[in-house]
C-alpha atoms as a PDB file:
ATOM      1  CA  MET A   1       0.000   0.000   0.000  1.00  0.00           C
ATOM      2  CA  SER A   2       1.063   3.620  -0.529  1.00  0.00           C
ATOM      3  CA  LYS A   3       0.872   7.016   1.142  1.00  0.00           C
ATOM      4  CA  HIS A   4      -1.836   9.490   0.148  1.00  0.00           C
ATOM      5  CA  VAL A   5      -2.322  13.059   1.374  1.00  0.00           C
ATOM      6  CA  VAL A   6      -5.795  14.598   1.183  1.00  0.00           C
ATOM      7  CA  VAL A   7      -6.031  18.369   1.631  1.00  0.00           C
ATOM      8  CA  GLY A   8      -9.484  19.528   2.711  1.00  0.00           C
ATOM      9  CA  ALA A   9     -11.618  17.658   5.259  1.00  0.00           C
ATOM     10  CA  GLY A  10     -15.030  18.793   4.021  1.00  0.00           C
ATOM     11  CA  GLN A  11     -17.848  16.978   2.310  1.00  0.00           C
ATOM     12  CA  VAL A  12     -15.576  15.324  -0.292  1.00  0.00           C
ATOM     13  CA  GLY A  13     -12.164  15.156   1.377  1.00  0.00           C
ATOM     14  CA  ALA A  14     -13.492  13.165   4.327  1.00  0.00           C
ATOM     15  CA  HIS A  15     -15.015  10.567   1.982  1.00  0.00           C
ATOM     16  CA  VAL A  16     -11.763  10.335   0.000  1.00  0.00           C
ATOM     17  CA  ALA A  17      -9.686   9.823   3.154  1.00  0.00           C
ATOM     18  CA  LEU A  18     -11.993   7.085   4.456  1.00  0.00           C
ATOM     19  CA  ARG A  19     -12.074   5.255   1.128  1.00  0.00           C
ATOM     20  CA  LEU A  20      -8.288   5.275   0.889  1.00  0.00           C
ATOM     21  CA  ALA A  21      -7.932   4.087   4.502  1.00  0.00           C
ATOM     22  CA  GLU A  22     -10.409   1.272   3.923  1.00  0.00           C
ATOM     23  CA  GLN A  23      -8.236   0.145   1.009  1.00  0.00           C
ATOM     24  CA  GLY A  24      -5.287  -0.104   3.404  1.00  0.00           C
ATOM     25  CA  HIS A  25      -3.332   2.971   2.323  1.00  0.00           C
ATOM     26  CA  GLU A  26      -1.501   5.322   4.646  1.00  0.00           C
ATOM     27  CA  VAL A  27      -3.656   8.459   4.720  1.00  0.00           C
ATOM     28  CA  VAL A  28      -2.856  11.968   5.940  1.00  0.00           C
ATOM     29  CA  LEU A  29      -5.865  14.318   6.029  1.00  0.00           C
ATOM     30  CA  VAL A  30      -4.849  17.990   6.115  1.00  0.00           C
ATOM     31  CA  SER A  31      -6.997  20.972   7.047  1.00  0.00           C
ATOM     32  CA  ARG A  32      -6.563  24.257   8.863  1.00  0.00           C
ATOM     33  CA  SER A  33      -8.514  22.913  11.847  1.00  0.00           C
ATOM     34  CA  GLY A  34      -7.118  19.386  11.878  1.00  0.00           C
ATOM     35  CA  SER A  35     -10.665  18.045  11.638  1.00  0.00           C
ATOM     36  CA  GLY A  36     -11.919  14.958   9.868  1.00  0.00           C
ATOM     37  CA  PRO A  37     -13.291  11.476  10.455  1.00  0.00           C
ATOM     38  CA  ASP A  38     -12.129   9.474  13.446  1.00  0.00           C
ATOM     39  CA  HIS A  39     -10.598   6.420  11.779  1.00  0.00           C
ATOM     40  CA  PRO A  40      -7.477   4.478  12.795  1.00  0.00           C
ATOM     41  CA  GLY A  41      -6.168   4.634   9.234  1.00  0.00           C
ATOM     42  CA  VAL A  42      -6.509   8.416   8.915  1.00  0.00           C
ATOM     43  CA  ARG A  43      -3.909  10.746  10.448  1.00  0.00           C
ATOM     44  CA  ARG A  44      -5.277  14.261  10.817  1.00  0.00           C
ATOM     45  CA  GLU A  45      -2.887  17.200  10.534  1.00  0.00           C
ATOM     46  CA  ARG A  46      -3.189  20.982  10.712  1.00  0.00           C
ATOM     47  CA  ALA A  47      -1.802  23.094   7.864  1.00  0.00           C
ATOM     48  CA  ASP A  48      -2.846  25.926   5.588  1.00  0.00           C
ATOM     49  CA  ALA A  49      -3.223  24.682   2.016  1.00  0.00           C
ATOM     50  CA  SER A  50      -1.540  27.846   0.726  1.00  0.00           C
ATOM     51  CA  ASP A  51       1.619  26.980   2.681  1.00  0.00           C
ATOM     52  CA  GLY A  52       3.349  24.846   0.068  1.00  0.00           C
ATOM     53  CA  ALA A  53       6.319  24.076   2.313  1.00  0.00           C
ATOM     54  CA  ALA A  54       4.095  22.797   5.133  1.00  0.00           C
ATOM     55  CA  VAL A  55       2.058  20.629   2.755  1.00  0.00           C
ATOM     56  CA  ALA A  56       5.226  19.352   1.085  1.00  0.00           C
ATOM     57  CA  ALA A  57       6.598  18.289   4.468  1.00  0.00           C
ATOM     58  CA  LEU A  58       3.421  16.304   5.165  1.00  0.00           C
ATOM     59  CA  ALA A  59       3.444  14.858   1.639  1.00  0.00           C
ATOM     60  CA  ARG A  60       7.044  13.634   1.721  1.00  0.00           C
ATOM     61  CA  ASP A  61       7.203  10.149   0.115  1.00  0.00           C
ATOM     62  CA  ALA A  62       3.507  10.349  -0.830  1.00  0.00           C
ATOM     63  CA  ASP A  63       2.284   8.745  -4.017  1.00  0.00           C
ATOM     64  CA  THR A  64      -0.606  11.171  -4.449  1.00  0.00           C
ATOM     65  CA  LEU A  65      -1.741  14.575  -3.208  1.00  0.00           C
ATOM     66  CA  TYR A  66      -5.489  15.338  -3.458  1.00  0.00           C
ATOM     67  CA  ASN A  67      -6.801  18.902  -3.664  1.00  0.00           C
ATOM     68  CA  CYS A  68     -10.255  18.727  -2.029  1.00  0.00           C
ATOM     69  CA  VAL A  69     -10.157  22.292  -0.736  1.00  0.00           C
ATOM     70  CA  ASN A  70     -13.482  24.137  -0.915  1.00  0.00           C
ATOM     71  CA  PRO A  71     -13.266  27.850  -0.027  1.00  0.00           C
ATOM     72  CA  ALA A  72     -16.516  29.745   0.434  1.00  0.00           C
ATOM     73  CA  TYR A  73     -17.714  30.746  -3.036  1.00  0.00           C
ATOM     74  CA  HIS A  74     -17.653  34.471  -2.292  1.00  0.00           C
ATOM     75  CA  ARG A  75     -13.926  34.153  -1.377  1.00  0.00           C
ATOM     76  CA  TRP A  76     -12.723  32.324  -4.490  1.00  0.00           C
ATOM     77  CA  LEU A  77     -10.954  35.353  -5.977  1.00  0.00           C
ATOM     78  CA  THR A  78      -8.820  35.836  -2.871  1.00  0.00           C
ATOM     79  CA  ASP A  79      -8.489  32.283  -1.530  1.00  0.00           C
ATOM     80  CA  TRP A  80      -7.978  30.103  -4.587  1.00  0.00           C
ATOM     81  CA  PRO A  81      -4.802  31.593  -6.139  1.00  0.00           C
ATOM     82  CA  PRO A  82      -2.550  31.050  -3.069  1.00  0.00           C
ATOM     83  CA  VAL A  83      -4.071  27.622  -2.378  1.00  0.00           C
ATOM     84  CA  ALA A  84      -3.566  26.535  -5.994  1.00  0.00           C
ATOM     85  CA  ALA A  85       0.032  27.774  -5.982  1.00  0.00           C
ATOM     86  CA  GLY A  86       0.783  26.113  -2.648  1.00  0.00           C
ATOM     87  CA  LEU A  87      -0.590  22.702  -3.588  1.00  0.00           C
ATOM     88  CA  LEU A  88       0.888  22.648  -7.078  1.00  0.00           C
ATOM     89  CA  GLY A  89       4.228  23.637  -5.587  1.00  0.00           C
ATOM     90  CA  ALA A  90       3.993  20.871  -2.975  1.00  0.00           C
ATOM     91  CA  ALA A  91       3.263  18.291  -5.657  1.00  0.00           C
ATOM     92  CA  GLN A  92       6.231  19.425  -7.735  1.00  0.00           C
ATOM     93  CA  THR A  93       8.537  19.451  -4.711  1.00  0.00           C
ATOM     94  CA  THR A  94       7.607  15.950  -3.546  1.00  0.00           C
ATOM     95  CA  GLY A  95       6.949  14.241  -6.879  1.00  0.00           C
ATOM     96  CA  ALA A  96       3.483  13.177  -5.723  1.00  0.00           C
ATOM     97  CA  GLY A  97       0.756  12.854  -8.324  1.00  0.00           C
ATOM     98  CA  TYR A  98      -1.676  15.749  -8.033  1.00  0.00           C
ATOM     99  CA  VAL A  99      -5.427  15.029  -8.191  1.00  0.00           C
ATOM    100  CA  ILE A 100      -7.661  18.106  -8.302  1.00  0.00           C
ATOM    101  CA  LEU A 101     -11.344  18.142  -7.420  1.00  0.00           C
ATOM    102  CA  GLY A 102     -12.766  20.493 -10.051  1.00  0.00           C
ATOM    103  CA  ASN A 103     -16.259  21.531 -11.134  1.00  0.00           C
ATOM    104  CA  LEU A 104     -18.337  22.370 -14.199  1.00  0.00           C
ATOM    105  CA  TYR A 105     -18.180  26.149 -13.741  1.00  0.00           C
ATOM    106  CA  VAL A 106     -15.204  26.209 -16.120  1.00  0.00           C
ATOM    107  CA  TYR A 107     -17.538  25.474 -19.066  1.00  0.00           C
ATOM    108  CA  GLY A 108     -19.907  28.403 -18.596  1.00  0.00           C
ATOM    109  CA  PRO A 109     -23.557  28.212 -19.698  1.00  0.00           C
ATOM    110  CA  PRO A 110     -23.930  25.011 -21.768  1.00  0.00           C
ATOM    111  CA  SER A 111     -25.818  24.611 -25.038  1.00  0.00           C
ATOM    112  CA  GLY A 112     -26.030  20.822 -24.654  1.00  0.00           C
ATOM    113  CA  PRO A 113     -24.648  17.926 -22.624  1.00  0.00           C
ATOM    114  CA  MET A 114     -21.147  18.570 -21.278  1.00  0.00           C
ATOM    115  CA  GLY A 115     -18.502  15.954 -22.074  1.00  0.00           C
ATOM    116  CA  GLU A 116     -14.835  16.005 -21.118  1.00  0.00           C
ATOM    117  CA  ASP A 117     -13.961  17.707 -24.395  1.00  0.00           C
ATOM    118  CA  HIS A 118     -16.404  20.568 -23.787  1.00  0.00           C
ATOM    119  CA  ALA A 119     -14.656  23.897 -24.364  1.00  0.00           C
ATOM    120  CA  ILE A 120     -13.497  25.813 -21.300  1.00  0.00           C
ATOM    121  CA  ALA A 121     -15.326  29.149 -21.410  1.00  0.00           C
ATOM    122  CA  PRO A 122     -15.866  30.527 -17.896  1.00  0.00           C
ATOM    123  CA  SER A 123     -18.590  33.153 -17.670  1.00  0.00           C
ATOM    124  CA  SER A 124     -17.527  34.872 -14.434  1.00  0.00           C
ATOM    125  CA  ALA A 125     -14.334  35.962 -12.705  1.00  0.00           C
ATOM    126  CA  LYS A 126     -14.733  33.224 -10.101  1.00  0.00           C
ATOM    127  CA  ALA A 127     -15.174  30.515 -12.708  1.00  0.00           C
ATOM    128  CA  ALA A 128     -12.121  31.890 -14.500  1.00  0.00           C
ATOM    129  CA  VAL A 129     -10.087  31.357 -11.311  1.00  0.00           C
ATOM    130  CA  ARG A 130     -10.966  27.651 -11.383  1.00  0.00           C
ATOM    131  CA  ALA A 131     -10.171  27.406 -15.086  1.00  0.00           C
ATOM    132  CA  ARG A 132      -6.782  29.029 -14.508  1.00  0.00           C
ATOM    133  CA  LEU A 133      -6.030  26.618 -11.652  1.00  0.00           C
ATOM    134  CA  TRP A 134      -6.433  23.693 -14.048  1.00  0.00           C
ATOM    135  CA  GLU A 135      -4.609  25.328 -16.949  1.00  0.00           C
ATOM    136  CA  GLU A 136      -1.580  26.112 -14.778  1.00  0.00           C
ATOM    137  CA  ALA A 137      -1.486  22.586 -13.368  1.00  0.00           C
ATOM    138  CA  LEU A 138      -1.832  21.065 -16.840  1.00  0.00           C
ATOM    139  CA  ALA A 139       1.000  23.275 -18.134  1.00  0.00           C
ATOM    140  CA  ALA A 140       3.225  21.967 -15.330  1.00  0.00           C
ATOM    141  CA  HIS A 141       2.272  18.406 -16.299  1.00  0.00           C
ATOM    142  CA  GLU A 142       3.066  19.011 -19.960  1.00  0.00           C
ATOM    143  CA  ALA A 143       6.414  20.502 -18.952  1.00  0.00           C
ATOM    144  CA  GLY A 144       7.225  17.287 -17.088  1.00  0.00           C
ATOM    145  CA  ARG A 145       7.301  18.880 -13.636  1.00  0.00           C
ATOM    146  CA  VAL A 146       4.355  16.981 -12.127  1.00  0.00           C
ATOM    147  CA  ARG A 147       1.614  14.439 -12.888  1.00  0.00           C
ATOM    148  CA  VAL A 148      -1.857  16.006 -12.699  1.00  0.00           C
ATOM    149  CA  THR A 149      -5.472  15.175 -13.355  1.00  0.00           C
ATOM    150  CA  GLU A 150      -8.756  16.907 -12.545  1.00  0.00           C
ATOM    151  CA  LEU A 151     -12.109  15.273 -11.759  1.00  0.00           C
ATOM    152  CA  ARG A 152     -15.224  17.392 -12.383  1.00  0.00           C
ATOM    153  CA  PRO A 153     -18.559  16.625 -10.706  1.00  0.00           C
ATOM    154  CA  SER A 154     -21.888  18.365 -10.999  1.00  0.00           C
ATOM    155  CA  ASP A 155     -23.728  19.562  -7.866  1.00  0.00           C
ATOM    156  CA  TYR A 156     -23.149  17.292  -4.874  1.00  0.00           C
ATOM    157  CA  PHE A 157     -25.668  15.355  -2.839  1.00  0.00           C
ATOM    158  CA  GLY A 158     -25.407  12.561  -0.310  1.00  0.00           C
ATOM    159  CA  PRO A 159     -24.208  11.897   3.243  1.00  0.00           C
ATOM    160  CA  GLY A 160     -22.290  14.840   4.647  1.00  0.00           C
ATOM    161  CA  CYS A 161     -23.583  17.390   2.115  1.00  0.00           C
ATOM    162  CA  ARG A 162     -25.005  20.300   4.055  1.00  0.00           C
ATOM    163  CA  ASP A 163     -25.181  24.074   3.597  1.00  0.00           C
ATOM    164  CA  GLN A 164     -23.118  24.218   0.381  1.00  0.00           C
ATOM    165  CA  SER A 165     -25.359  21.693  -1.386  1.00  0.00           C
ATOM    166  CA  HIS A 166     -28.632  22.486  -3.159  1.00  0.00           C
ATOM    167  CA  LEU A 167     -29.793  19.082  -1.885  1.00  0.00           C
ATOM    168  CA  GLY A 168     -28.485  19.583   1.650  1.00  0.00           C
ATOM    169  CA  ASP A 169     -29.763  21.578   4.649  1.00  0.00           C
ATOM    170  CA  ARG A 170     -32.375  23.478   2.658  1.00  0.00           C
ATOM    171  CA  PHE A 171     -33.691  20.355   0.936  1.00  0.00           C
ATOM    172  CA  VAL A 172     -33.692  17.114   2.924  1.00  0.00           C
ATOM    173  CA  PRO A 173     -34.752  18.267   6.436  1.00  0.00           C
ATOM    174  CA  PRO A 174     -37.685  20.379   5.191  1.00  0.00           C
ATOM    175  CA  LEU A 175     -38.939  17.580   2.953  1.00  0.00           C
ATOM    176  CA  LEU A 176     -38.714  14.960   5.690  1.00  0.00           C
ATOM    177  CA  ALA A 177     -40.686  17.308   7.948  1.00  0.00           C
ATOM    178  CA  GLY A 178     -43.366  18.003   5.344  1.00  0.00           C
ATOM    179  CA  ARG A 179     -42.265  21.604   4.792  1.00  0.00           C
ATOM    180  CA  PRO A 180     -41.771  23.256   1.364  1.00  0.00           C
ATOM    181  CA  THR A 181     -38.431  23.617  -0.369  1.00  0.00           C
ATOM    182  CA  ARG A 182     -37.475  26.195  -2.975  1.00  0.00           C
ATOM    183  CA  LEU A 183     -34.720  26.453  -5.568  1.00  0.00           C
ATOM    184  CA  ALA A 184     -33.042  29.610  -6.859  1.00  0.00           C
ATOM    185  CA  GLY A 185     -33.919  28.627 -10.421  1.00  0.00           C
ATOM    186  CA  ASP A 186     -36.398  26.503 -12.365  1.00  0.00           C
ATOM    187  CA  PRO A 187     -37.120  23.272 -10.440  1.00  0.00           C
ATOM    188  CA  ASP A 188     -38.311  21.582 -13.641  1.00  0.00           C
ATOM    189  CA  GLN A 189     -35.104  21.814 -15.663  1.00  0.00           C
ATOM    190  CA  PRO A 190     -33.096  18.577 -16.120  1.00  0.00           C
ATOM    191  CA  HIS A 191     -29.998  18.731 -13.915  1.00  0.00           C
ATOM    192  CA  SER A 192     -27.105  16.382 -13.200  1.00  0.00           C
ATOM    193  CA  TRP A 193     -26.393  15.563  -9.546  1.00  0.00           C
ATOM    194  CA  SER A 194     -23.172  13.838  -8.453  1.00  0.00           C
ATOM    195  CA  TYR A 195     -23.381  11.507  -5.445  1.00  0.00           C
ATOM    196  CA  VAL A 196     -20.524  12.307  -3.045  1.00  0.00           C
ATOM    197  CA  PRO A 197     -19.370   8.684  -2.490  1.00  0.00           C
ATOM    198  CA  ASP A 198     -19.117   8.416  -6.303  1.00  0.00           C
ATOM    199  CA  VAL A 199     -17.038  11.610  -6.335  1.00  0.00           C
ATOM    200  CA  ALA A 200     -14.671  10.085  -3.775  1.00  0.00           C
ATOM    201  CA  ALA A 201     -14.498   6.781  -5.645  1.00  0.00           C
ATOM    202  CA  ALA A 202     -13.458   8.550  -8.856  1.00  0.00           C
ATOM    203  CA  LEU A 203     -10.784  10.643  -7.139  1.00  0.00           C
ATOM    204  CA  VAL A 204      -9.332   7.541  -5.511  1.00  0.00           C
ATOM    205  CA  ALA A 205      -9.438   5.559  -8.762  1.00  0.00           C
ATOM    206  CA  ALA A 206      -7.566   8.343 -10.545  1.00  0.00           C
ATOM    207  CA  GLY A 207      -5.051   8.794  -7.735  1.00  0.00           C
ATOM    208  CA  THR A 208      -4.249   5.103  -7.324  1.00  0.00           C
ATOM    209  CA  GLY A 209      -4.096   4.225 -11.026  1.00  0.00           C
ATOM    210  CA  ASP A 210      -1.792   5.011 -13.914  1.00  0.00           C
ATOM    211  CA  ASP A 211      -4.130   6.080 -16.711  1.00  0.00           C
ATOM    212  CA  ALA A 212      -5.872   9.284 -15.598  1.00  0.00           C
ATOM    213  CA  TRP A 213      -2.898  11.660 -15.652  1.00  0.00           C
ATOM    214  CA  GLY A 214      -2.635  14.544 -18.073  1.00  0.00           C
ATOM    215  CA  ARG A 215      -6.294  15.355 -18.673  1.00  0.00           C
ATOM    216  CA  ALA A 216      -9.585  16.179 -16.980  1.00  0.00           C
ATOM    217  CA  TRP A 217     -12.384  13.674 -16.377  1.00  0.00           C
ATOM    218  CA  HIS A 218     -15.979  13.807 -15.249  1.00  0.00           C
ATOM    219  CA  ILE A 219     -17.280  12.135 -12.122  1.00  0.00           C
ATOM    220  CA  PRO A 220     -19.461   9.128 -13.017  1.00  0.00           C
ATOM    221  CA  THR A 221     -22.920  10.638 -12.655  1.00  0.00           C
ATOM    222  CA  GLY A 222     -26.400   9.236 -13.256  1.00  0.00           C
ATOM    223  CA  PRO A 223     -29.019  10.566 -15.694  1.00  0.00           C
ATOM    224  CA  ALA A 224     -30.138  14.161 -15.204  1.00  0.00           C
ATOM    225  CA  VAL A 225     -33.134  14.591 -12.879  1.00  0.00           C
ATOM    226  CA  THR A 226     -35.088  17.754 -12.132  1.00  0.00           C
ATOM    227  CA  TYR A 227     -35.009  19.285  -8.662  1.00  0.00           C
ATOM    228  CA  ARG A 228     -38.736  18.571  -8.361  1.00  0.00           C
ATOM    229  CA  ALA A 229     -38.306  14.913  -9.355  1.00  0.00           C
ATOM    230  CA  MET A 230     -35.471  14.536  -6.828  1.00  0.00           C
ATOM    231  CA  ALA A 231     -37.782  15.895  -4.117  1.00  0.00           C
ATOM    232  CA  GLU A 232     -40.621  13.595  -5.145  1.00  0.00           C
ATOM    233  CA  ARG A 233     -38.469  10.473  -5.222  1.00  0.00           C
ATOM    234  CA  LEU A 234     -36.787  11.290  -1.909  1.00  0.00           C
ATOM    235  CA  CYS A 235     -40.205  11.664  -0.261  1.00  0.00           C
ATOM    236  CA  GLU A 236     -41.461   8.421  -1.793  1.00  0.00           C
ATOM    237  CA  ILE A 237     -38.461   6.494  -0.465  1.00  0.00           C
ATOM    238  CA  ALA A 238     -38.663   8.200   2.938  1.00  0.00           C
ATOM    239  CA  GLY A 239     -42.418   7.813   3.302  1.00  0.00           C
ATOM    240  CA  ALA A 240     -42.639  11.589   3.724  1.00  0.00           C
ATOM    241  CA  PRO A 241     -45.545  13.805   2.602  1.00  0.00           C
ATOM    242  CA  THR A 242     -45.852  14.768  -1.051  1.00  0.00           C
ATOM    243  CA  PRO A 243     -43.331  17.585  -1.496  1.00  0.00           C
ATOM    244  CA  ARG A 244     -44.176  21.212  -2.074  1.00  0.00           C
ATOM    245  CA  VAL A 245     -41.516  22.544  -4.420  1.00  0.00           C
ATOM    246  CA  GLY A 246     -41.158  26.165  -5.483  1.00  0.00           C
ATOM    247  CA  SER A 247     -38.764  28.642  -7.046  1.00  0.00           C
ATOM    248  CA  ILE A 248     -37.046  31.660  -5.505  1.00  0.00           C
ATOM    249  CA  PRO A 249     -37.514  34.555  -7.960  1.00  0.00           C
ATOM    250  CA  GLY A 250     -34.445  36.357  -9.206  1.00  0.00           C
ATOM    251  CA  TRP A 251     -35.395  39.656  -7.558  1.00  0.00           C
ATOM    252  CA  LEU A 252     -35.596  37.938  -4.169  1.00  0.00           C
ATOM    253  CA  VAL A 253     -32.150  36.373  -4.676  1.00  0.00           C
ATOM    254  CA  GLU A 254     -30.779  39.846  -5.445  1.00  0.00           C
ATOM    255  CA  LEU A 255     -32.459  41.265  -2.351  1.00  0.00           C
ATOM    256  CA  GLY A 256     -31.135  38.467  -0.152  1.00  0.00           C
ATOM    257  CA  GLY A 257     -27.686  39.119  -1.533  1.00  0.00           C
ATOM    258  CA  LEU A 258     -27.623  42.480   0.221  1.00  0.00           C
ATOM    259  CA  ALA A 259     -27.249  40.630   3.522  1.00  0.00           C
ATOM    260  CA  SER A 260     -25.817  37.230   2.534  1.00  0.00           C
ATOM    261  CA  PRO A 261     -22.531  36.878   0.592  1.00  0.00           C
ATOM    262  CA  MET A 262     -23.478  33.355  -0.519  1.00  0.00           C
ATOM    263  CA  MET A 263     -26.905  34.486  -1.754  1.00  0.00           C
ATOM    264  CA  ARG A 264     -25.226  37.350  -3.603  1.00  0.00           C
ATOM    265  CA  GLU A 265     -23.042  34.898  -5.505  1.00  0.00           C
ATOM    266  CA  LEU A 266     -25.976  32.817  -6.767  1.00  0.00           C
ATOM    267  CA  ARG A 267     -26.475  35.229  -9.650  1.00  0.00           C
ATOM    268  CA  HIS A 268     -23.257  33.912 -11.201  1.00  0.00           C
ATOM    269  CA  VAL A 269     -24.518  30.315 -11.320  1.00  0.00           C
ATOM    270  CA  ARG A 270     -28.258  30.737 -11.744  1.00  0.00           C
ATOM    271  CA  TYR A 271     -27.852  29.705 -15.408  1.00  0.00           C
ATOM    272  CA  GLN A 272     -27.234  26.166 -14.151  1.00  0.00           C
ATOM    273  CA  PHE A 273     -30.888  25.971 -13.130  1.00  0.00           C
ATOM    274  CA  ASP A 274     -32.521  28.076 -15.854  1.00  0.00           C
ATOM    275  CA  ARG A 275     -31.804  25.557 -18.617  1.00  0.00           C
ATOM    276  CA  PRO A 276     -30.842  21.881 -18.913  1.00  0.00           C
ATOM    277  CA  PHE A 277     -27.535  21.314 -17.117  1.00  0.00           C
ATOM    278  CA  VAL A 278     -26.419  17.846 -18.098  1.00  0.00           C
ATOM    279  CA  LEU A 279     -23.061  16.149 -17.495  1.00  0.00           C
ATOM    280  CA  ASP A 280     -21.931  13.308 -19.777  1.00  0.00           C
ATOM    281  CA  SER A 281     -19.594  10.938 -17.918  1.00  0.00           C
ATOM    282  CA  ALA A 282     -19.539   7.974 -20.318  1.00  0.00           C
ATOM    283  CA  ARG A 283     -15.854   8.360 -21.184  1.00  0.00           C
ATOM    284  CA  SER A 284     -14.682   8.602 -17.581  1.00  0.00           C
ATOM    285  CA  GLU A 285     -16.867   5.672 -16.506  1.00  0.00           C
ATOM    286  CA  ALA A 286     -15.100   3.506 -19.079  1.00  0.00           C
ATOM    287  CA  ALA A 287     -11.635   4.861 -18.259  1.00  0.00           C
ATOM    288  CA  LEU A 288     -11.975   4.597 -14.487  1.00  0.00           C
ATOM    289  CA  GLY A 289     -13.986   1.378 -14.442  1.00  0.00           C
ATOM    290  CA  LEU A 290     -16.760   2.963 -12.369  1.00  0.00           C
ATOM    291  CA  THR A 291     -20.522   3.398 -12.653  1.00  0.00           C
ATOM    292  CA  PRO A 292     -22.720   5.842 -10.732  1.00  0.00           C
ATOM    293  CA  THR A 293     -24.649   4.579  -7.716  1.00  0.00           C
ATOM    294  CA  PRO A 294     -28.325   3.955  -8.605  1.00  0.00           C
ATOM    295  CA  LEU A 295     -30.394   6.970  -7.628  1.00  0.00           C
ATOM    296  CA  ASP A 296     -32.696   5.119  -5.222  1.00  0.00           C
ATOM    297  CA  ASP A 297     -29.713   3.660  -3.351  1.00  0.00           C
ATOM    298  CA  ALA A 298     -28.065   7.081  -3.141  1.00  0.00           C
ATOM    299  CA  LEU A 299     -31.240   8.742  -1.867  1.00  0.00           C
ATOM    300  CA  ALA A 300     -31.838   5.979   0.691  1.00  0.00           C
ATOM    301  CA  ALA A 301     -28.322   6.458   2.088  1.00  0.00           C
ATOM    302  CA  THR A 302     -28.829  10.223   2.151  1.00  0.00           C
ATOM    303  CA  ILE A 303     -32.117   9.891   4.034  1.00  0.00           C
ATOM    304  CA  ALA A 304     -30.559   7.507   6.560  1.00  0.00           C
ATOM    305  CA  TRP A 305     -27.650   9.891   7.183  1.00  0.00           C
ATOM    306  CA  TRP A 306     -29.989  12.800   7.817  1.00  0.00           C
ATOM    307  CA  ARG A 307     -32.356  10.820  10.033  1.00  0.00           C
ATOM    308  CA  ASP A 308     -29.429   9.957  12.283  1.00  0.00           C
ATOM    309  CA  ARG A 309     -28.940  13.690  12.813  1.00  0.00           C
ATOM    310  CA  LEU A 310     -32.452  15.134  12.999  1.00  0.00           C
END
């Protein structure tokens, strides 16, 4: 077994660390707080991801370094550049493979299903930061200084997904309690949702294999489902009341943004819910040897996780 260093102990990094530990690898989970799952195979360490020297010291002799950092969206312009530089520098210093958790923002508003060859065309300054992170890492790979790959999911759902997920705090608890839920967009547009354990499985497959380096991949993700249909199926599985699903109008999002930085940022990504937003992961499923978890199984696990906490 080999050594793997996961930076970021949030909704994805914790899953990645546990999956690697369960496979018998040596795992170091790094975050500013030193938080993370309590598992005998996971060593938790404190470090700032932008401190390349500190991360490099923790990643000495590591096979793979995973970037699962997730700054608050309204802080991307200030937080991402130093984090990206620090982690890329640590990977180059140590020789560890560098696996980046990306997203679909780099593509901008789509005109059809998004495959791995979809053109990068960010439509906001924050999306451009993420695109630049990948382009700089890929340039280092092509120059022979590091091995890199990026895995891009759509919106997360599943155990551990909370306030930063459209299907988290504002979705599951209200539905289980028979209360309404509302989306900042059209709840009847087809949308791809990536199940967090599938996100972790793809990152681990890329980081422990030999074939993913040098390009970006999509997280194996099931067929697109509308927000309303997700609510209806979750309630059917949970035995909860028929859901009441609505939409938050754009003017109300703008008004809420006066007080909430996160609400203010929704205007940059509202396009994802005003039209079909569909991820095509067929190529990555074949390359990584993975298939998405069936939706009913994923929703059942999500419901069980929440019921343990409500």
